N, C-alpha and C. Protein backbone atom coordinates (compact mmCIF):
# COMPACT_ATOMS: atom_id res chain seq x y z
N UNK A 1 0.89 -1.30 -0.24
CA UNK A 1 -0.21 0.38 0.00
C UNK A 1 0.97 1.29 -0.31
N UNK A 2 1.78 1.15 0.87
CA UNK A 2 2.63 2.48 1.14
C UNK A 2 4.17 2.10 0.26
N UNK A 3 4.44 1.52 -0.62
CA UNK A 3 5.46 1.11 -1.33
C UNK A 3 6.26 2.50 -1.87
N UNK A 4 5.60 3.42 -2.29
CA UNK A 4 6.13 4.32 -2.46
C UNK A 4 7.27 4.99 -1.36
N UNK A 5 7.22 4.93 -0.30
CA UNK A 5 8.10 5.25 0.81
C UNK A 5 9.12 4.37 0.75
N UNK A 6 9.28 3.18 0.29
CA UNK A 6 10.54 2.76 0.42
C UNK A 6 11.05 2.85 -0.68
N UNK A 7 11.00 3.28 -1.91
CA UNK A 7 11.90 3.75 -3.02
C UNK A 7 12.75 4.73 -2.90
N UNK A 8 13.89 4.68 -3.22
CA UNK A 8 14.82 5.75 -2.99
C UNK A 8 14.70 6.86 -4.15
N UNK A 9 14.61 8.11 -3.80
CA UNK A 9 14.78 9.61 -4.20
C UNK A 9 15.36 9.01 -5.61
N UNK A 10 16.29 9.13 -5.82
CA UNK A 10 17.15 8.60 -6.70
C UNK A 10 16.54 7.80 -7.83
N UNK A 11 15.55 7.19 -7.40
CA UNK A 11 15.08 6.38 -8.68
C UNK A 11 14.00 6.92 -9.60
N UNK A 12 13.25 7.83 -8.65
CA UNK A 12 12.27 8.27 -9.11
C UNK A 12 12.82 9.79 -9.92
N UNK A 13 14.00 10.13 -9.60
CA UNK A 13 14.24 11.20 -10.87
C UNK A 13 14.36 10.63 -12.11
N UNK A 14 14.32 11.71 -13.30
CA UNK A 14 14.44 11.52 -14.49
C UNK A 14 16.08 11.15 -15.32
N UNK A 15 16.27 10.36 -15.89
CA UNK A 15 17.78 10.62 -16.60
C UNK A 15 17.86 12.00 -17.09
N UNK A 16 18.78 12.29 -17.06
CA UNK A 16 19.35 13.15 -18.18
C UNK A 16 20.89 13.10 -18.69
N UNK A 17 21.06 13.93 -19.48
CA UNK A 17 22.31 13.98 -20.22
C UNK A 17 23.21 15.46 -19.89
N UNK A 18 24.36 14.89 -19.90
CA UNK A 18 25.08 16.30 -19.84
C UNK A 18 25.44 17.36 -20.72
N UNK A 19 25.66 18.22 -21.10
CA UNK A 19 25.90 19.10 -22.43
C UNK A 19 26.87 20.47 -21.86
N UNK A 20 27.89 20.12 -22.64
CA UNK A 20 29.08 21.45 -22.10
C UNK A 20 28.93 22.18 -23.21
N UNK A 21 28.82 23.74 -23.57
CA UNK A 21 28.78 24.47 -24.60
C UNK A 21 30.16 25.45 -24.13
N UNK A 22 30.44 25.60 -25.45
CA UNK A 22 31.88 26.55 -25.27
C UNK A 22 31.11 27.49 -26.70
N UNK A 23 32.36 29.00 -26.83
CA UNK A 23 31.99 29.60 -27.95
C UNK A 23 32.18 28.94 -29.39
N UNK A 24 33.33 27.63 -29.19
CA UNK A 24 33.33 27.34 -30.58
C UNK A 24 32.81 25.62 -30.87
N UNK A 25 32.53 25.10 -29.63
CA UNK A 25 32.33 23.58 -30.23
C UNK A 25 31.23 23.36 -28.44
N UNK A 26 30.68 22.04 -28.65
CA UNK A 26 29.73 21.30 -27.30
C UNK A 26 30.48 19.96 -27.46
N UNK A 27 29.65 19.03 -26.38
CA UNK A 27 29.92 17.95 -26.20
C UNK A 27 28.74 17.95 -25.62
N UNK A 28 28.31 16.28 -25.28
CA UNK A 28 27.42 16.13 -24.43
C UNK A 28 27.54 14.13 -24.45
N UNK A 29 26.83 13.88 -22.96
CA UNK A 29 27.06 12.37 -23.17
C UNK A 29 25.74 12.21 -22.21
N UNK A 30 25.72 10.83 -22.25
CA UNK A 30 24.38 10.20 -21.27
C UNK A 30 24.88 9.11 -20.75
N UNK A 31 25.04 8.84 -19.10
CA UNK A 31 25.50 7.71 -18.41
C UNK A 31 24.11 7.27 -18.01
N UNK A 32 24.33 5.94 -17.67
CA UNK A 32 23.55 5.12 -17.24
C UNK A 32 23.94 4.45 -15.84
N UNK A 33 23.78 4.09 -14.97
CA UNK A 33 23.71 3.15 -14.26
C UNK A 33 23.29 1.79 -14.03
N UNK A 34 24.30 0.67 -13.95
CA UNK A 34 23.59 -0.62 -14.06
C UNK A 34 24.14 -1.14 -12.77
N UNK A 35 23.70 -2.66 -12.92
CA UNK A 35 24.14 -3.63 -11.41
C UNK A 35 25.95 -3.50 -11.95
N UNK A 36 26.32 -3.78 -12.90
CA UNK A 36 27.62 -3.84 -13.12
C UNK A 36 28.65 -2.75 -12.96
N UNK A 37 27.67 -1.37 -13.12
CA UNK A 37 28.74 -0.20 -13.03
C UNK A 37 27.80 0.65 -13.69
N UNK A 38 28.72 1.87 -14.28
CA UNK A 38 28.29 2.76 -14.77
C UNK A 38 28.26 2.50 -16.90
N UNK A 39 27.39 2.80 -17.25
CA UNK A 39 27.70 2.91 -18.90
C UNK A 39 27.55 3.75 -19.64
N UNK A 40 28.10 3.70 -20.56
CA UNK A 40 28.08 5.33 -21.53
C UNK A 40 26.52 4.70 -22.47
N UNK A 41 25.81 5.65 -22.86
CA UNK A 41 24.33 5.41 -23.41
C UNK A 41 24.57 5.79 -24.76
N UNK A 42 25.08 7.61 -24.81
CA UNK A 42 25.57 8.31 -25.74
C UNK A 42 26.61 9.21 -25.75
N UNK A 43 27.11 9.73 -26.58
CA UNK A 43 28.42 11.03 -26.63
C UNK A 43 28.09 11.20 -28.12
N UNK A 44 28.51 12.64 -28.06
CA UNK A 44 28.36 13.60 -29.20
C UNK A 44 29.31 14.70 -28.99
N UNK A 45 29.70 15.38 -29.76
CA UNK A 45 30.48 16.53 -30.00
C UNK A 45 30.53 17.00 -31.12
N UNK A 46 30.60 18.45 -31.25
CA UNK A 46 30.86 19.09 -32.77
C UNK A 46 31.01 20.44 -32.47
N UNK A 47 31.55 20.94 -33.70
CA UNK A 47 31.62 22.64 -33.82
C UNK A 47 30.57 23.55 -33.92
N UNK A 48 30.60 24.85 -33.61
CA UNK A 48 29.89 25.88 -33.33
C UNK A 48 30.23 26.46 -34.56
N UNK A 49 29.61 27.31 -35.49
CA UNK A 49 29.79 27.94 -36.34
C UNK A 49 30.60 29.29 -35.98
N UNK A 50 31.36 29.98 -36.27
CA UNK A 50 31.81 31.18 -35.64
C UNK A 50 30.67 32.41 -35.45
N UNK A 51 30.54 33.10 -34.38
CA UNK A 51 29.60 34.19 -34.67
C UNK A 51 27.74 33.30 -33.83
N UNK A 52 27.89 32.23 -33.90
CA UNK A 52 26.69 31.90 -33.18
C UNK A 52 26.87 31.96 -31.42
N UNK A 53 27.76 32.10 -31.31
CA UNK A 53 27.85 32.20 -29.77
C UNK A 53 29.11 33.04 -29.60
N UNK A 54 29.02 34.36 -28.75
CA UNK A 54 30.22 34.77 -28.63
C UNK A 54 30.44 35.47 -27.15
N UNK A 55 31.22 35.33 -26.61
CA UNK A 55 31.75 35.21 -25.27
C UNK A 55 30.41 34.95 -24.17
N UNK A 56 30.16 33.67 -24.63
CA UNK A 56 29.34 33.00 -23.60
C UNK A 56 27.59 33.19 -23.93
N UNK A 57 27.45 33.83 -25.13
CA UNK A 57 25.94 34.34 -25.01
C UNK A 57 25.43 33.76 -26.71
N UNK A 58 24.69 33.06 -26.85
CA UNK A 58 24.13 32.57 -28.09
C UNK A 58 23.82 33.91 -28.87
N UNK A 59 23.91 34.40 -29.71
CA UNK A 59 23.74 35.26 -31.10
C UNK A 59 22.83 35.04 -32.04
N UNK A 60 23.03 33.67 -32.45
CA UNK A 60 21.80 33.38 -33.41
C UNK A 60 21.61 32.12 -32.62
N UNK A 61 19.85 32.13 -32.13
CA UNK A 61 19.43 31.16 -31.72
C UNK A 61 18.74 29.91 -32.65
N UNK A 62 18.69 30.29 -33.61
CA UNK A 62 18.13 29.42 -34.92
C UNK A 62 19.15 28.54 -35.56
N UNK A 63 20.19 28.87 -35.70
CA UNK A 63 21.52 28.31 -35.96
C UNK A 63 22.16 27.23 -34.74
N UNK A 64 22.20 28.11 -33.49
CA UNK A 64 22.23 26.86 -32.51
C UNK A 64 21.73 25.54 -32.01
N UNK A 65 20.26 25.99 -32.45
CA UNK A 65 19.16 24.83 -32.30
C UNK A 65 19.51 23.74 -33.34
N UNK A 66 19.68 24.36 -34.73
CA UNK A 66 19.64 23.45 -35.78
C UNK A 66 21.39 22.65 -35.60
N UNK A 67 22.06 23.09 -35.23
CA UNK A 67 23.39 22.55 -34.71
C UNK A 67 23.22 21.48 -33.68
N UNK A 68 22.52 21.77 -32.77
CA UNK A 68 22.27 20.83 -31.68
C UNK A 68 21.49 19.96 -32.03
N UNK A 69 20.32 20.38 -32.45
CA UNK A 69 19.14 19.13 -33.16
C UNK A 69 19.88 18.16 -33.70
N UNK A 70 20.64 18.57 -34.93
CA UNK A 70 21.25 17.54 -35.63
C UNK A 70 22.25 16.59 -35.01
N UNK A 71 22.92 17.22 -34.05
CA UNK A 71 24.08 16.15 -33.02
C UNK A 71 23.36 15.63 -32.38
N UNK A 72 22.06 15.83 -31.83
CA UNK A 72 20.93 14.99 -31.08
C UNK A 72 20.47 13.90 -31.66
N UNK A 73 20.40 14.19 -32.84
CA UNK A 73 19.61 12.87 -33.63
C UNK A 73 20.45 11.75 -34.01
N UNK A 74 21.93 12.36 -34.18
CA UNK A 74 22.76 11.07 -34.60
C UNK A 74 24.23 11.54 -34.09
N UNK A 75 23.91 11.19 -32.58
CA UNK A 75 25.37 11.34 -31.79
C UNK A 75 26.21 10.51 -32.46
N UNK A 76 28.02 10.81 -31.88
CA UNK A 76 28.93 9.91 -32.42
C UNK A 76 28.67 8.30 -31.94
N UNK A 77 28.15 8.45 -30.87
CA UNK A 77 27.84 6.82 -30.10
C UNK A 77 26.68 6.97 -29.49
N UNK A 78 26.04 5.67 -29.80
CA UNK A 78 24.91 5.75 -29.05
C UNK A 78 23.61 6.31 -29.91
N UNK A 79 22.77 6.72 -28.68
CA UNK A 79 21.18 7.31 -29.10
C UNK A 79 20.76 7.78 -27.82
N UNK A 80 20.23 9.12 -27.74
CA UNK A 80 19.86 9.84 -26.65
C UNK A 80 18.82 9.06 -26.06
N UNK A 81 18.43 8.68 -24.57
CA UNK A 81 17.11 8.30 -24.79
C UNK A 81 16.49 9.35 -23.38
N UNK A 82 16.61 10.39 -23.27
CA UNK A 82 16.07 11.31 -22.60
C UNK A 82 16.04 13.21 -23.41
N UNK A 83 15.21 13.81 -22.68
CA UNK A 83 15.19 15.08 -23.34
C UNK A 83 15.20 16.19 -22.22
N UNK A 84 15.81 15.07 -21.06
CA UNK A 84 16.24 15.86 -20.07
C UNK A 84 17.90 16.50 -20.07
N UNK A 85 18.24 17.45 -19.68
CA UNK A 85 19.61 17.79 -19.38
C UNK A 85 20.22 18.98 -18.48
N UNK A 86 21.13 18.68 -18.27
CA UNK A 86 22.12 19.21 -17.41
C UNK A 86 22.98 19.92 -18.13
N UNK A 87 23.12 21.28 -17.87
CA UNK A 87 24.10 22.07 -18.78
C UNK A 87 24.93 22.80 -17.99
N UNK A 88 26.21 23.23 -18.44
CA UNK A 88 27.11 23.66 -17.91
C UNK A 88 26.80 25.46 -18.35
N UNK A 89 27.17 26.01 -17.03
CA UNK A 89 26.77 27.48 -17.63
C UNK A 89 28.48 27.93 -18.28
N UNK A 90 28.33 29.15 -19.06
CA UNK A 90 29.84 29.79 -19.50
C UNK A 90 30.48 30.26 -18.11
N UNK A 91 31.74 30.52 -18.11
CA UNK A 91 32.33 30.79 -16.93
C UNK A 91 31.95 32.67 -16.99
N UNK A 92 31.92 33.10 -18.19
CA UNK A 92 31.56 34.41 -18.13
C UNK A 92 30.24 34.91 -17.44
N UNK A 93 29.17 34.02 -17.04
CA UNK A 93 27.89 34.44 -16.86
C UNK A 93 27.67 33.55 -15.22
N UNK A 94 28.62 32.94 -15.13
CA UNK A 94 28.16 32.27 -13.58
C UNK A 94 29.19 32.64 -12.36
N UNK A 95 28.85 32.85 -11.07
CA UNK A 95 29.89 33.72 -10.08
C UNK A 95 29.57 32.83 -8.74
N UNK A 96 30.29 33.09 -8.11
CA UNK A 96 30.21 32.38 -6.79
C UNK A 96 30.18 33.76 -5.50
N UNK A 97 29.34 33.09 -4.49
CA UNK A 97 29.13 34.31 -3.35
C UNK A 97 30.41 33.33 -2.05
N UNK A 98 30.90 34.25 -1.56
CA UNK A 98 31.52 33.53 -0.53
C UNK A 98 31.18 34.51 0.88
């Protein structure tokens, strides 16, 4: 009846893939935890055309969508099984407070 109380929280969270963007390139990877360890599900990378991203800001949103959508559709390895993403922030637009 109360089986939801015995589940671990991390089991109910959705899978996600990691995305790293820079001014000139991008990389993404999706990992999955299995009984035997961690498994690489998908991996991809590519170049971002000059002028699409400048100083950590996307200048041409349409072109960026086109580049990333193409890479997500056909990764270098495997295939993405989720639409959830964890993305890194450009250094120019992040700060910490001590």
